[in-house]
Structure formats: structure tokens, C-alpha cells
Amino acid sequence: MGIQQSIDTYGVPEIYEQDGGLRVRVGDIEGVQTLFAISDEGRPLGVAVFVRSAHERFAVLHLGVDPRLSATPDVNTRVLLKLMHEIRSTARRTRGVDCIELVYKVRHAVRLHG
């Protein structure tokens, strides 16, 4: 339900190449940001797609982890936590942003403190 709600509200994520790098666009939303989790060997492990949805809020539109990691839940969890940690760090450095909304969870926002 959460993934479908995100797609219905924001659009389908689409990977494309720009200036020699990979980016993700979501519908016609401006300012979409993407974080990729990469292994030490350079293999993609996960991705987070987010946007500043209001002056004070980041909305995490999509989170994804390599399906092969589902066999190792501890690695899967570490990848997701690292992606969310990086989004939180970015939010803290962004003037005016004081919460992060997880679109997959209905009306769930995390306030940033200190």
C-alpha cells in the first residue's frame, strides 16, 4: 500500500543518466535528490529518493535495497539505516528543514532535534 500510494501521489521513479552519473526522477517533481549505497567493491546496495516537499520538510519518496540482501537481514537493515542517516544529516544541514516524512508510512514524520 505505501509504495503504491507514493507512486499515485508523486509518480513512478525513473533512473536516467546525466553528466556521466545516474539520477532518479519522479514524475515531474523538481528537486528530487538521490542517494546510492555502494559496497566497497562498487556494487550498488540500495537507493533512497527524497525531495523537499515543503519549506520545513523532506519527503522520502522511495527506499530500495538490492533484493539479494533480503537473505541477510542484518545487512539489509544496515543499508536502510545508513541511507536514512544520510538523509537526516542532509536535512540538518538544510536551512529551515525540521522534519522528515516517510511517505510509505501514513502521516509519519520524524522531527529533527538539535
C-alpha atoms as a PDB file:
ATOM      1  CA  MET A   1       0.000   0.000   0.000  1.00  0.00           C
ATOM      2  CA  GLY A   2       2.715   2.546   0.906  1.00  0.00           C
ATOM      3  CA  ILE A   3       4.678   2.113  -2.319  1.00  0.00           C
ATOM      4  CA  GLN A   4       1.541   2.373  -4.443  1.00  0.00           C
ATOM      5  CA  GLN A   5       0.439   5.459  -2.513  1.00  0.00           C
ATOM      6  CA  SER A   6       3.817   7.097  -3.169  1.00  0.00           C
ATOM      7  CA  ILE A   7       3.588   6.301  -6.892  1.00  0.00           C
ATOM      8  CA  ASP A   8      -0.010   7.558  -7.090  1.00  0.00           C
ATOM      9  CA  THR A   9       0.888  10.786  -5.289  1.00  0.00           C
ATOM     10  CA  TYR A  10       4.340  11.606  -6.675  1.00  0.00           C
ATOM     11  CA  GLY A  11       4.865   9.430  -9.765  1.00  0.00           C
ATOM     12  CA  VAL A  12       6.957   6.474 -10.862  1.00  0.00           C
ATOM     13  CA  PRO A  13      10.693   6.672 -10.141  1.00  0.00           C
ATOM     14  CA  GLU A  14      12.801   6.508 -13.291  1.00  0.00           C
ATOM     15  CA  ILE A  15      16.593   6.056 -13.442  1.00  0.00           C
ATOM     16  CA  TYR A  16      18.443   8.085 -16.085  1.00  0.00           C
ATOM     17  CA  GLU A  17      21.989   9.113 -16.894  1.00  0.00           C
ATOM     18  CA  GLN A  18      23.126  12.728 -16.660  1.00  0.00           C
ATOM     19  CA  ASP A  19      26.661  14.089 -16.937  1.00  0.00           C
ATOM     20  CA  GLY A  20      28.179  10.613 -16.561  1.00  0.00           C
ATOM     21  CA  GLY A  21      26.222   9.756 -13.403  1.00  0.00           C
ATOM     22  CA  LEU A  22      22.949   8.104 -12.507  1.00  0.00           C
ATOM     23  CA  ARG A  23      19.984  10.117 -11.274  1.00  0.00           C
ATOM     24  CA  VAL A  24      16.384   9.349 -10.455  1.00  0.00           C
ATOM     25  CA  ARG A  25      13.418  11.455 -11.464  1.00  0.00           C
ATOM     26  CA  VAL A  26       9.934  11.043 -10.072  1.00  0.00           C
ATOM     27  CA  GLY A  27       7.102  12.277 -12.246  1.00  0.00           C
ATOM     28  CA  ASP A  28       7.508  15.980 -12.956  1.00  0.00           C
ATOM     29  CA  ILE A  29       8.746  16.880  -9.455  1.00  0.00           C
ATOM     30  CA  GLU A  30      11.619  19.373  -9.386  1.00  0.00           C
ATOM     31  CA  GLY A  31      14.497  18.989  -6.952  1.00  0.00           C
ATOM     32  CA  VAL A  32      14.395  15.221  -6.422  1.00  0.00           C
ATOM     33  CA  GLN A  33      17.558  14.025  -4.690  1.00  0.00           C
ATOM     34  CA  THR A  34      19.006  10.530  -4.790  1.00  0.00           C
ATOM     35  CA  LEU A  35      21.425   8.715  -2.501  1.00  0.00           C
ATOM     36  CA  PHE A  36      23.007   5.463  -3.598  1.00  0.00           C
ATOM     37  CA  ALA A  37      24.549   3.000  -1.127  1.00  0.00           C
ATOM     38  CA  ILE A  38      27.561   1.376  -2.780  1.00  0.00           C
ATOM     39  CA  SER A  39      29.642  -1.557  -1.497  1.00  0.00           C
ATOM     40  CA  ASP A  40      33.421  -1.338  -1.111  1.00  0.00           C
ATOM     41  CA  GLU A  41      33.613  -3.260  -4.400  1.00  0.00           C
ATOM     42  CA  GLY A  42      31.490  -0.617  -6.161  1.00  0.00           C
ATOM     43  CA  ARG A  43      28.309  -2.703  -6.315  1.00  0.00           C
ATOM     44  CA  PRO A  44      25.008  -0.839  -5.708  1.00  0.00           C
ATOM     45  CA  LEU A  45      23.341  -1.956  -2.478  1.00  0.00           C
ATOM     46  CA  GLY A  46      20.470   0.476  -2.084  1.00  0.00           C
ATOM     47  CA  VAL A  47      18.910   3.764  -3.037  1.00  0.00           C
ATOM     48  CA  ALA A  48      16.887   6.495  -1.338  1.00  0.00           C
ATOM     49  CA  VAL A  49      14.871   9.074  -3.248  1.00  0.00           C
ATOM     50  CA  PHE A  50      13.696  12.204  -1.451  1.00  0.00           C
ATOM     51  CA  VAL A  51      12.557  15.760  -2.089  1.00  0.00           C
ATOM     52  CA  ARG A  52      11.959  18.909  -0.118  1.00  0.00           C
ATOM     53  CA  SER A  53       8.164  18.748  -0.147  1.00  0.00           C
ATOM     54  CA  ALA A  54       7.594  21.871   1.909  1.00  0.00           C
ATOM     55  CA  HIS A  55       9.894  24.524   3.297  1.00  0.00           C
ATOM     56  CA  GLU A  56      10.313  22.637   6.579  1.00  0.00           C
ATOM     57  CA  ARG A  57      10.045  19.025   5.357  1.00  0.00           C
ATOM     58  CA  PHE A  58      11.935  16.373   3.390  1.00  0.00           C
ATOM     59  CA  ALA A  59       9.713  13.616   1.982  1.00  0.00           C
ATOM     60  CA  VAL A  60      11.356  10.223   1.461  1.00  0.00           C
ATOM     61  CA  LEU A  61       9.562   9.022  -1.667  1.00  0.00           C
ATOM     62  CA  HIS A  62      11.242   5.664  -2.214  1.00  0.00           C
ATOM     63  CA  LEU A  63      13.714   3.364  -0.464  1.00  0.00           C
ATOM     64  CA  GLY A  64      15.160   0.315  -2.145  1.00  0.00           C
ATOM     65  CA  VAL A  65      17.704  -2.350  -1.259  1.00  0.00           C
ATOM     66  CA  ASP A  66      19.241  -4.978  -3.538  1.00  0.00           C
ATOM     67  CA  PRO A  67      16.834  -7.951  -3.308  1.00  0.00           C
ATOM     68  CA  ARG A  68      19.793 -10.295  -2.827  1.00  0.00           C
ATOM     69  CA  LEU A  69      20.290  -8.668   0.584  1.00  0.00           C
ATOM     70  CA  SER A  70      16.964  -9.993   1.842  1.00  0.00           C
ATOM     71  CA  ALA A  71      18.752 -13.246   2.661  1.00  0.00           C
ATOM     72  CA  THR A  72      20.933 -11.270   5.110  1.00  0.00           C
ATOM     73  CA  PRO A  73      18.512  -9.093   7.104  1.00  0.00           C
ATOM     74  CA  ASP A  74      21.281  -7.525   9.186  1.00  0.00           C
ATOM     75  CA  VAL A  75      22.976  -6.137   6.046  1.00  0.00           C
ATOM     76  CA  ASN A  76      19.613  -5.062   4.617  1.00  0.00           C
ATOM     77  CA  THR A  77      18.820  -3.151   7.822  1.00  0.00           C
ATOM     78  CA  ARG A  78      22.277  -1.536   7.940  1.00  0.00           C
ATOM     79  CA  VAL A  79      21.884  -0.271   4.362  1.00  0.00           C
ATOM     80  CA  LEU A  80      18.450   1.227   5.100  1.00  0.00           C
ATOM     81  CA  LEU A  81      19.655   2.810   8.348  1.00  0.00           C
ATOM     82  CA  LYS A  82      22.716   4.302   6.622  1.00  0.00           C
ATOM     83  CA  LEU A  83      20.552   5.808   3.874  1.00  0.00           C
ATOM     84  CA  MET A  84      18.170   7.307   6.433  1.00  0.00           C
ATOM     85  CA  HIS A  85      21.128   8.587   8.483  1.00  0.00           C
ATOM     86  CA  GLU A  86      22.467  10.397   5.408  1.00  0.00           C
ATOM     87  CA  ILE A  87      19.064  11.925   4.658  1.00  0.00           C
ATOM     88  CA  ARG A  88      18.835  13.096   8.266  1.00  0.00           C
ATOM     89  CA  SER A  89      22.326  14.618   8.052  1.00  0.00           C
ATOM     90  CA  THR A  90      21.355  16.423   4.845  1.00  0.00           C
ATOM     91  CA  ALA A  91      18.134  17.685   6.444  1.00  0.00           C
ATOM     92  CA  ARG A  92      20.037  19.037   9.445  1.00  0.00           C
ATOM     93  CA  ARG A  93      22.372  20.965   7.122  1.00  0.00           C
ATOM     94  CA  THR A  94      19.466  22.400   5.129  1.00  0.00           C
ATOM     95  CA  ARG A  95      18.149  25.699   6.454  1.00  0.00           C
ATOM     96  CA  GLY A  96      14.524  25.511   7.548  1.00  0.00           C
ATOM     97  CA  VAL A  97      14.060  21.735   7.356  1.00  0.00           C
ATOM     98  CA  ASP A  98      12.926  20.349  10.700  1.00  0.00           C
ATOM     99  CA  CYS A  99      11.299  17.020   9.840  1.00  0.00           C
ATOM    100  CA  ILE A 100      11.497  14.046   7.526  1.00  0.00           C
ATOM    101  CA  GLU A 101       8.328  12.415   6.247  1.00  0.00           C
ATOM    102  CA  LEU A 102       8.367   8.733   5.335  1.00  0.00           C
ATOM    103  CA  VAL A 103       5.818   8.561   2.518  1.00  0.00           C
ATOM    104  CA  TYR A 104       5.435   4.771   2.867  1.00  0.00           C
ATOM    105  CA  LYS A 105       4.038   5.258   6.368  1.00  0.00           C
ATOM    106  CA  VAL A 106       0.749   7.111   6.534  1.00  0.00           C
ATOM    107  CA  ARG A 107       1.225  10.546   8.103  1.00  0.00           C
ATOM    108  CA  HIS A 108       4.540   9.631   9.691  1.00  0.00           C
ATOM    109  CA  ALA A 109       7.070  12.430  10.107  1.00  0.00           C
ATOM    110  CA  VAL A 110      10.207  12.427  12.209  1.00  0.00           C
ATOM    111  CA  ARG A 111      11.168  15.714  13.833  1.00  0.00           C
ATOM    112  CA  LEU A 112      14.824  16.697  13.868  1.00  0.00           C
ATOM    113  CA  HIS A 113      16.217  17.882  17.166  1.00  0.00           C
ATOM    114  CA  GLY A 114      19.435  19.739  17.942  1.00  0.00           C
END
